[in-house]
């Protein structure tokens, strides 16, 4: 998937700086930020869901993966 969200500007910052300090990338790296069933899923650190599909479906890249059919053992 392609996530059309601005994460930085490599014409003004180094790639390393964008990669390590972008608010978008850092929020996606913290699995505790995931919402909906992705946020409670026991496999979130392995899978994480597709952030691009979540963004396109809801406008939030931290929202739950809309095409995931798995039902987490923990309930919301």
Protein backbone atom coordinates (compact mmCIF):
# COMPACT_ATOMS: atom_id res chain seq x y z
CA UNK A 1 0.00 0.00 0.00
CA UNK A 2 0.92 3.61 -0.43
CA UNK A 3 0.34 5.94 2.49
CA UNK A 4 -0.16 9.45 1.10
CA UNK A 5 0.78 11.33 4.27
CA UNK A 6 3.54 13.90 4.52
CA UNK A 7 6.21 12.66 6.91
CA UNK A 8 8.92 15.23 6.26
CA UNK A 9 10.85 16.94 3.50
CA UNK A 10 14.11 15.30 2.45
CA UNK A 11 15.05 18.43 0.49
CA UNK A 12 15.27 20.24 3.83
CA UNK A 13 16.15 17.36 6.20
CA UNK A 14 18.23 14.24 5.89
CA UNK A 15 16.43 10.97 5.24
CA UNK A 16 17.75 9.73 8.60
CA UNK A 17 16.25 12.76 10.36
CA UNK A 18 12.85 12.25 8.73
CA UNK A 19 12.92 8.50 9.44
CA UNK A 20 13.89 8.91 13.10
CA UNK A 21 12.03 12.10 14.03
CA UNK A 22 8.86 12.23 11.95
CA UNK A 23 5.77 12.41 14.15
CA UNK A 24 3.95 10.17 11.66
CA UNK A 25 6.60 7.44 11.69
CA UNK A 26 7.04 7.62 15.46
CA UNK A 27 3.31 7.37 16.09
CA UNK A 28 3.08 4.29 13.84
CA UNK A 29 6.06 2.66 15.59
CA UNK A 30 4.27 2.90 18.94
CA UNK A 31 1.74 0.07 18.69
CA UNK A 32 -0.11 1.46 21.72
CA UNK A 33 -1.37 4.21 19.40
CA UNK A 34 -3.31 1.79 17.20
CA UNK A 35 -7.07 2.19 17.41
CA UNK A 36 -10.04 -0.15 17.20
CA UNK A 37 -9.46 -3.86 17.05
CA UNK A 38 -5.83 -3.35 15.94
CA UNK A 39 -5.22 -1.60 19.26
CA UNK A 40 -6.39 -4.61 21.29
CA UNK A 41 -5.13 -7.37 18.99
CA UNK A 42 -2.62 -9.79 20.46
CA UNK A 43 -0.80 -9.84 17.09
CA UNK A 44 -0.40 -6.07 16.68
CA UNK A 45 3.38 -6.21 17.18
CA UNK A 46 3.68 -8.85 14.46
CA UNK A 47 1.08 -7.60 11.99
CA UNK A 48 0.24 -3.98 12.78
CA UNK A 49 -2.40 -3.94 10.06
CA UNK A 50 -2.11 -1.94 6.87
CA UNK A 51 -1.79 1.69 7.85
CA UNK A 52 -2.43 2.81 4.24
CA UNK A 53 -5.78 0.98 4.05
CA UNK A 54 -6.74 2.31 7.47
CA UNK A 55 -5.97 5.85 6.32
CA UNK A 56 -7.85 5.56 3.04
CA UNK A 57 -10.92 4.07 4.75
CA UNK A 58 -11.08 6.37 7.78
CA UNK A 59 -8.72 9.32 7.37
CA UNK A 60 -6.58 8.05 10.27
CA UNK A 61 -3.50 5.91 9.69
CA UNK A 62 -3.81 4.69 13.29
CA UNK A 63 -7.34 3.35 12.81
CA UNK A 64 -8.07 -0.37 12.59
CA UNK A 65 -7.30 -2.33 9.42
CA UNK A 66 -10.62 -2.31 7.53
CA UNK A 67 -10.06 -5.59 5.64
CA UNK A 68 -8.87 -7.69 8.59
CA UNK A 69 -11.27 -10.52 9.37
CA UNK A 70 -9.44 -11.63 12.54
CA UNK A 71 -11.32 -11.19 15.80
CA UNK A 72 -8.92 -10.44 18.68
CA UNK A 73 -9.31 -12.61 21.77
CA UNK A 74 -9.57 -9.48 23.91
CA UNK A 75 -12.78 -7.52 23.42
CA UNK A 76 -13.05 -3.76 23.27
